[in-house]
Every structure is written in C-alpha cells, then in structure tokens.
C-alpha cells in the first residue's frame, strides 16, 4: 500500500504553481489565528479534500457552515476593521 504522504507529495509535485506560492496549510493556520483574535472559531476550517487532488488548481480552503452567532461575529470583525 502506498504511504499517503508519498501520494500527497507526488500530487504536490504535479501542481503547476509559482515557486513562491503561499502554503495553503500555513494560510489555514494564519486564518484560524486571525479569526481567533476576534473570538471566532470556524469548526470546519481546513483544506478542501477534493481540490487537493486537482493537479492544476491550487487547493481550496474550506470555511464550512457557521451558526448565526459566528456569522455575526465575522460581520462585526469585518465592519470594525473597515471603519478604521
């Protein structure tokens, strides 16, 4: 059986991306920290599995469904940021 890490490395090597392209896992972590600074947690935040296997498309970041309370926190954080 093929090691999943080997498979993912092979897929990443096939992707046609810029050499200095952002790391999607790092982006997810940064987004989680930025949202956390506003008291916001997105339980489904992560990389979209199916997009990880598309050789010519960068992986998508899954934000997932949120409660109304979380949506309001996001609105408040964005509104506060825009008014500065």
C-alpha atoms as a PDB file:
ATOM      1  CA  UNK A   1       0.000   0.000   0.000  1.00  0.00           C
ATOM      2  CA  UNK A   2       1.251   3.486  -0.870  1.00  0.00           C
ATOM      3  CA  UNK A   3       2.090   5.803   2.004  1.00  0.00           C
ATOM      4  CA  UNK A   4      -0.401   8.758   1.944  1.00  0.00           C
ATOM      5  CA  UNK A   5       2.473  11.205   2.432  1.00  0.00           C
ATOM      6  CA  UNK A   6       4.180   9.880  -0.685  1.00  0.00           C
ATOM      7  CA  UNK A   7       0.945  10.211  -2.637  1.00  0.00           C
ATOM      8  CA  UNK A   8       0.382  13.793  -1.469  1.00  0.00           C
ATOM      9  CA  UNK A   9       3.998  14.710  -2.293  1.00  0.00           C
ATOM     10  CA  UNK A  10       3.568  13.292  -5.788  1.00  0.00           C
ATOM     11  CA  UNK A  11       0.381  15.306  -6.249  1.00  0.00           C
ATOM     12  CA  UNK A  12       2.059  18.477  -4.982  1.00  0.00           C
ATOM     13  CA  UNK A  13       4.950  17.918  -7.385  1.00  0.00           C
ATOM     14  CA  UNK A  14       2.488  17.775 -10.292  1.00  0.00           C
ATOM     15  CA  UNK A  15       0.872  21.100  -9.416  1.00  0.00           C
ATOM     16  CA  UNK A  16       1.778  23.991 -11.658  1.00  0.00           C
ATOM     17  CA  UNK A  17       2.220  26.784  -9.126  1.00  0.00           C
ATOM     18  CA  UNK A  18       4.628  29.627  -8.712  1.00  0.00           C
ATOM     19  CA  UNK A  19       7.762  28.665  -6.751  1.00  0.00           C
ATOM     20  CA  UNK A  20       6.978  31.258  -4.086  1.00  0.00           C
ATOM     21  CA  UNK A  21       3.256  30.429  -3.860  1.00  0.00           C
ATOM     22  CA  UNK A  22       1.743  30.525  -0.382  1.00  0.00           C
ATOM     23  CA  UNK A  23       1.445  27.290   1.550  1.00  0.00           C
ATOM     24  CA  UNK A  24      -2.297  26.568   1.907  1.00  0.00           C
ATOM     25  CA  UNK A  25      -1.830  24.795   5.250  1.00  0.00           C
ATOM     26  CA  UNK A  26       0.004  27.841   6.594  1.00  0.00           C
ATOM     27  CA  UNK A  27      -2.767  30.069   5.241  1.00  0.00           C
ATOM     28  CA  UNK A  28      -5.391  27.992   7.065  1.00  0.00           C
ATOM     29  CA  UNK A  29      -3.398  28.284  10.300  1.00  0.00           C
ATOM     30  CA  UNK A  30      -2.977  32.057   9.862  1.00  0.00           C
ATOM     31  CA  UNK A  31      -6.692  32.471   9.166  1.00  0.00           C
ATOM     32  CA  UNK A  32      -7.576  30.422  12.255  1.00  0.00           C
ATOM     33  CA  UNK A  33      -5.291  32.641  14.388  1.00  0.00           C
ATOM     34  CA  UNK A  34      -6.700  35.853  12.895  1.00  0.00           C
ATOM     35  CA  UNK A  35     -10.274  34.728  13.467  1.00  0.00           C
ATOM     36  CA  UNK A  36      -9.373  33.527  16.964  1.00  0.00           C
ATOM     37  CA  UNK A  37      -8.107  37.005  17.805  1.00  0.00           C
ATOM     38  CA  UNK A  38     -11.714  38.136  17.322  1.00  0.00           C
ATOM     39  CA  UNK A  39     -13.149  35.227  19.312  1.00  0.00           C
ATOM     40  CA  UNK A  40     -14.249  33.424  16.147  1.00  0.00           C
ATOM     41  CA  UNK A  41     -13.838  29.700  15.567  1.00  0.00           C
ATOM     42  CA  UNK A  42     -14.796  28.016  12.313  1.00  0.00           C
ATOM     43  CA  UNK A  43     -15.100  24.321  13.189  1.00  0.00           C
ATOM     44  CA  UNK A  44     -14.858  23.211   9.548  1.00  0.00           C
ATOM     45  CA  UNK A  45     -11.886  25.414   8.641  1.00  0.00           C
ATOM     46  CA  UNK A  46      -9.377  23.395   6.665  1.00  0.00           C
ATOM     47  CA  UNK A  47      -8.279  22.335   3.223  1.00  0.00           C
ATOM     48  CA  UNK A  48     -10.902  21.058   0.801  1.00  0.00           C
ATOM     49  CA  UNK A  49     -10.036  17.395   0.222  1.00  0.00           C
ATOM     50  CA  UNK A  50     -11.173  17.012  -3.406  1.00  0.00           C
ATOM     51  CA  UNK A  51      -9.310  20.129  -4.526  1.00  0.00           C
ATOM     52  CA  UNK A  52      -6.089  18.657  -3.119  1.00  0.00           C
ATOM     53  CA  UNK A  53      -6.156  16.087  -5.933  1.00  0.00           C
ATOM     54  CA  UNK A  54      -6.568  18.522  -8.833  1.00  0.00           C
ATOM     55  CA  UNK A  55      -3.138  18.836 -10.437  1.00  0.00           C
ATOM     56  CA  UNK A  56      -3.558  22.294 -11.979  1.00  0.00           C
ATOM     57  CA  UNK A  57      -5.745  24.066  -9.424  1.00  0.00           C
ATOM     58  CA  UNK A  58      -4.498  25.413  -6.099  1.00  0.00           C
ATOM     59  CA  UNK A  59      -6.177  23.750  -3.102  1.00  0.00           C
ATOM     60  CA  UNK A  60      -9.330  25.433  -1.889  1.00  0.00           C
ATOM     61  CA  UNK A  61      -9.771  26.452   1.733  1.00  0.00           C
ATOM     62  CA  UNK A  62     -12.982  25.146   3.259  1.00  0.00           C
ATOM     63  CA  UNK A  63     -14.647  27.628   5.587  1.00  0.00           C
ATOM     64  CA  UNK A  64     -17.719  25.475   6.248  1.00  0.00           C
ATOM     65  CA  UNK A  65     -21.066  26.268   7.770  1.00  0.00           C
ATOM     66  CA  UNK A  66     -21.357  28.533  10.788  1.00  0.00           C
ATOM     67  CA  UNK A  67     -24.011  29.448  13.302  1.00  0.00           C
ATOM     68  CA  UNK A  68     -25.746  32.793  13.095  1.00  0.00           C
ATOM     69  CA  UNK A  69     -23.774  33.905  16.166  1.00  0.00           C
ATOM     70  CA  UNK A  70     -20.477  33.145  14.417  1.00  0.00           C
ATOM     71  CA  UNK A  71     -21.657  34.905  11.244  1.00  0.00           C
ATOM     72  CA  UNK A  72     -22.473  37.996  13.318  1.00  0.00           C
ATOM     73  CA  UNK A  73     -19.003  37.893  14.929  1.00  0.00           C
ATOM     74  CA  UNK A  74     -17.443  37.808  11.468  1.00  0.00           C
ATOM     75  CA  UNK A  75     -19.608  40.735  10.351  1.00  0.00           C
ATOM     76  CA  UNK A  76     -18.611  42.684  13.452  1.00  0.00           C
ATOM     77  CA  UNK A  77     -14.911  41.947  12.952  1.00  0.00           C
ATOM     78  CA  UNK A  78     -15.036  42.973   9.299  1.00  0.00           C
ATOM     79  CA  UNK A  79     -17.117  46.059   9.983  1.00  0.00           C
ATOM     80  CA  UNK A  80     -14.804  47.166  12.789  1.00  0.00           C
ATOM     81  CA  UNK A  81     -11.801  46.665  10.514  1.00  0.00           C
ATOM     82  CA  UNK A  82     -13.407  48.617   7.628  1.00  0.00           C
ATOM     83  CA  UNK A  83     -14.259  51.618   9.793  1.00  0.00           C
ATOM     84  CA  UNK A  84     -10.655  52.175  10.983  1.00  0.00           C
END
